[in-house]
C-alpha atoms as a PDB file:
ATOM      1  CA  MET A   1      19.649 -10.063 -16.327  1.00  0.00           C
ATOM      2  CA  THR A   2      22.490 -12.193 -15.052  1.00  0.00           C
ATOM      3  CA  ASP A   3      24.842 -11.482 -12.192  1.00  0.00           C
ATOM      4  CA  ARG A   4      28.563 -12.010 -11.998  1.00  0.00           C
ATOM      5  CA  TRP A   5      31.184 -12.105  -9.265  1.00  0.00           C
ATOM      6  CA  ILE A   6      33.618  -9.187  -9.353  1.00  0.00           C
ATOM      7  CA  ARG A   7      36.823  -9.238  -7.306  1.00  0.00           C
ATOM      8  CA  VAL A   8      37.000  -5.874  -5.556  1.00  0.00           C
ATOM      9  CA  ALA A   9      39.572  -5.917  -2.721  1.00  0.00           C
ATOM     10  CA  ARG A  10      42.049  -7.950  -0.753  1.00  0.00           C
ATOM     11  CA  TYR A  11      40.555  -9.010   2.571  1.00  0.00           C
ATOM     12  CA  GLU A  12      43.625  -7.756   4.439  1.00  0.00           C
ATOM     13  CA  GLN A  13      42.866  -4.214   3.177  1.00  0.00           C
ATOM     14  CA  LEU A  14      39.563  -4.118   5.080  1.00  0.00           C
ATOM     15  CA  PRO A  15      40.045  -3.161   8.731  1.00  0.00           C
ATOM     16  CA  GLU A  16      37.648  -4.949  11.051  1.00  0.00           C
ATOM     17  CA  ARG A  17      34.476  -2.986  11.981  1.00  0.00           C
ATOM     18  CA  GLU A  18      35.159  -0.295   9.342  1.00  0.00           C
ATOM     19  CA  GLY A  19      33.877   0.470   5.870  1.00  0.00           C
ATOM     20  CA  ARG A  20      35.769   0.946   2.626  1.00  0.00           C
ATOM     21  CA  ALA A  21      34.475   2.184  -0.726  1.00  0.00           C
ATOM     22  CA  VAL A  22      35.279   0.415  -3.987  1.00  0.00           C
ATOM     23  CA  ARG A  23      34.253   1.413  -7.484  1.00  0.00           C
ATOM     24  CA  VAL A  24      33.031  -1.075 -10.058  1.00  0.00           C
ATOM     25  CA  GLY A  25      32.338   0.663 -13.341  1.00  0.00           C
ATOM     26  CA  GLU A  26      30.052   3.559 -12.413  1.00  0.00           C
ATOM     27  CA  LYS A  27      28.834   1.987  -9.169  1.00  0.00           C
ATOM     28  CA  GLU A  28      30.338   2.705  -5.758  1.00  0.00           C
ATOM     29  CA  ILE A  29      30.018  -0.137  -3.255  1.00  0.00           C
ATOM     30  CA  ALA A  30      30.723   0.013   0.490  1.00  0.00           C
ATOM     31  CA  LEU A  31      32.435  -3.034   1.994  1.00  0.00           C
ATOM     32  CA  PHE A  32      32.235  -3.757   5.717  1.00  0.00           C
ATOM     33  CA  ASN A  33      34.452  -6.292   7.486  1.00  0.00           C
ATOM     34  CA  LEU A  34      32.478  -7.580  10.477  1.00  0.00           C
ATOM     35  CA  GLY A  35      35.213  -9.980  11.542  1.00  0.00           C
ATOM     36  CA  ASP A  36      33.411 -13.184  10.626  1.00  0.00           C
ATOM     37  CA  ARG A  37      32.187 -11.975   7.220  1.00  0.00           C
ATOM     38  CA  VAL A  38      32.269  -9.104   4.748  1.00  0.00           C
ATOM     39  CA  LEU A  39      29.021  -7.361   3.802  1.00  0.00           C
ATOM     40  CA  ALA A  40      28.432  -5.016   0.858  1.00  0.00           C
ATOM     41  CA  THR A  41      25.908  -2.249   0.184  1.00  0.00           C
ATOM     42  CA  ASP A  42      25.527   0.700  -2.116  1.00  0.00           C
ATOM     43  CA  ASN A  43      27.647   3.472  -0.636  1.00  0.00           C
ATOM     44  CA  THR A  44      24.887   6.079  -0.382  1.00  0.00           C
ATOM     45  CA  CYS A  45      22.472   6.657   2.468  1.00  0.00           C
ATOM     46  CA  PRO A  46      18.861   6.955   1.251  1.00  0.00           C
ATOM     47  CA  HIS A  47      18.394  10.171   3.245  1.00  0.00           C
ATOM     48  CA  GLN A  48      20.823  12.604   1.631  1.00  0.00           C
ATOM     49  CA  GLN A  49      23.284  10.294  -0.118  1.00  0.00           C
ATOM     50  CA  GLY A  50      25.893  10.371   2.665  1.00  0.00           C
ATOM     51  CA  PRO A  51      28.859   7.986   2.214  1.00  0.00           C
ATOM     52  CA  LEU A  52      27.984   4.906   4.272  1.00  0.00           C
ATOM     53  CA  CYS A  53      31.575   3.649   4.133  1.00  0.00           C
ATOM     54  CA  ASP A  54      32.537   6.566   6.412  1.00  0.00           C
ATOM     55  CA  GLY A  55      29.901   5.700   9.012  1.00  0.00           C
ATOM     56  CA  ILE A  56      30.292   4.017  12.376  1.00  0.00           C
ATOM     57  CA  VAL A  57      29.708   0.258  12.338  1.00  0.00           C
ATOM     58  CA  THR A  58      27.579  -0.891  15.244  1.00  0.00           C
ATOM     59  CA  GLY A  59      26.640  -4.554  15.436  1.00  0.00           C
ATOM     60  CA  ASN A  60      25.382  -5.506  11.957  1.00  0.00           C
ATOM     61  CA  ALA A  61      24.511  -1.928  10.998  1.00  0.00           C
ATOM     62  CA  VAL A  62      26.204   1.311  10.002  1.00  0.00           C
ATOM     63  CA  VAL A  63      25.305   4.826  11.146  1.00  0.00           C
ATOM     64  CA  CYS A  64      25.506   7.387   8.339  1.00  0.00           C
ATOM     65  CA  PRO A  65      28.064  10.100   9.142  1.00  0.00           C
ATOM     66  CA  LEU A  66      25.861  12.947   7.872  1.00  0.00           C
ATOM     67  CA  HIS A  67      22.611  12.717   9.816  1.00  0.00           C
ATOM     68  CA  GLY A  68      22.761   9.537  11.874  1.00  0.00           C
ATOM     69  CA  TRP A  69      20.470   7.253   9.891  1.00  0.00           C
ATOM     70  CA  LYS A  70      21.148   3.651  10.952  1.00  0.00           C
ATOM     71  CA  VAL A  71      21.135   1.109   8.112  1.00  0.00           C
ATOM     72  CA  SER A  72      21.234  -2.686   8.420  1.00  0.00           C
ATOM     73  CA  LEU A  73      24.199  -4.144   6.572  1.00  0.00           C
ATOM     74  CA  GLU A  74      22.388  -7.470   6.246  1.00  0.00           C
ATOM     75  CA  ASP A  75      19.192  -6.413   4.470  1.00  0.00           C
ATOM     76  CA  GLY A  76      19.707  -2.698   3.749  1.00  0.00           C
ATOM     77  CA  CYS A  77      16.654  -1.583   5.769  1.00  0.00           C
ATOM     78  CA  VAL A  78      16.810   1.712   7.621  1.00  0.00           C
ATOM     79  CA  GLN A  79      16.497   1.001  11.351  1.00  0.00           C
ATOM     80  CA  ARG A  80      16.570   4.583  12.601  1.00  0.00           C
ATOM     81  CA  PRO A  81      14.997   7.143  12.675  1.00  0.00           C
ATOM     82  CA  ALA A  82      11.567   5.726  13.391  1.00  0.00           C
ATOM     83  CA  GLY A  83       9.135   5.903  10.493  1.00  0.00           C
ATOM     84  CA  THR A  84      11.785   5.407   7.816  1.00  0.00           C
ATOM     85  CA  GLU A  85      11.570   1.627   7.561  1.00  0.00           C
ATOM     86  CA  GLU A  86      10.369   1.799   3.934  1.00  0.00           C
ATOM     87  CA  HIS A  87      13.752   3.226   2.900  1.00  0.00           C
ATOM     88  CA  ARG A  88      16.348   0.720   1.841  1.00  0.00           C
ATOM     89  CA  VAL A  89      19.923   0.481   0.634  1.00  0.00           C
ATOM     90  CA  ARG A  90      20.742  -2.218  -1.891  1.00  0.00           C
ATOM     91  CA  THR A  91      22.891  -5.036  -0.531  1.00  0.00           C
ATOM     92  CA  TYR A  92      25.065  -7.480  -2.465  1.00  0.00           C
ATOM     93  CA  PRO A  93      26.236 -11.042  -1.823  1.00  0.00           C
ATOM     94  CA  THR A  94      29.937 -11.352  -1.018  1.00  0.00           C
ATOM     95  CA  GLN A  95      32.494 -14.107  -0.795  1.00  0.00           C
ATOM     96  CA  VAL A  96      36.130 -14.297   0.241  1.00  0.00           C
ATOM     97  CA  VAL A  97      38.240 -16.723  -1.774  1.00  0.00           C
ATOM     98  CA  ASP A  98      42.003 -16.999  -1.312  1.00  0.00           C
ATOM     99  CA  GLY A  99      42.067 -13.673   0.533  1.00  0.00           C
ATOM    100  CA  VAL A 100      40.172 -11.777  -2.176  1.00  0.00           C
ATOM    101  CA  VAL A 101      36.714 -10.244  -1.606  1.00  0.00           C
ATOM    102  CA  ALA A 102      34.260 -10.607  -4.470  1.00  0.00           C
ATOM    103  CA  VAL A 103      30.829  -8.977  -4.790  1.00  0.00           C
ATOM    104  CA  GLN A 104      27.996 -10.370  -6.909  1.00  0.00           C
ATOM    105  CA  LEU A 105      26.662  -7.584  -9.133  1.00  0.00           C
ATOM    106  CA  PRO A 106      24.251  -7.382 -12.073  1.00  0.00           C
ATOM    107  CA  VAL A 107      26.150  -7.370 -15.365  1.00  0.00           C
ATOM    108  CA  ALA A 108      24.801  -3.893 -16.256  1.00  0.00           C
ATOM    109  CA  SER A 109      26.379  -2.488 -13.043  1.00  0.00           C
ATOM    110  CA  THR A 110      29.795  -3.774 -13.958  1.00  0.00           C
ATOM    111  CA  SER A 111      30.090  -2.075 -17.330  1.00  0.00           C
ATOM    112  CA  LEU A 112      33.383  -0.220 -17.509  1.00  0.00           C
ATOM    113  CA  THR A 113      32.320   1.978 -20.429  1.00  0.00           C
END
């Protein structure tokens, strides 16, 4: 399966140290502006599917607003609570070109049908 770059937001629409949700086809992605880069993950916490975009960004991680699970924005691994390291959120490569944020997604994820 091939991947493709999908333009999803203007960089200026992403406040620093906050998350924003974007929808691509049937997939909801959370974007996080860390100041020096934008990171992207699936928008659901692996615990009880809380919206990660509404969480508190701390360092290179986000804390889920529902039950406080801390998820790395770099690799998607759950950092807290202890014993949950096997849980993971999918992450996606990003790039900012001419002020537009693009996310690299599998072609099947980008279907608009």
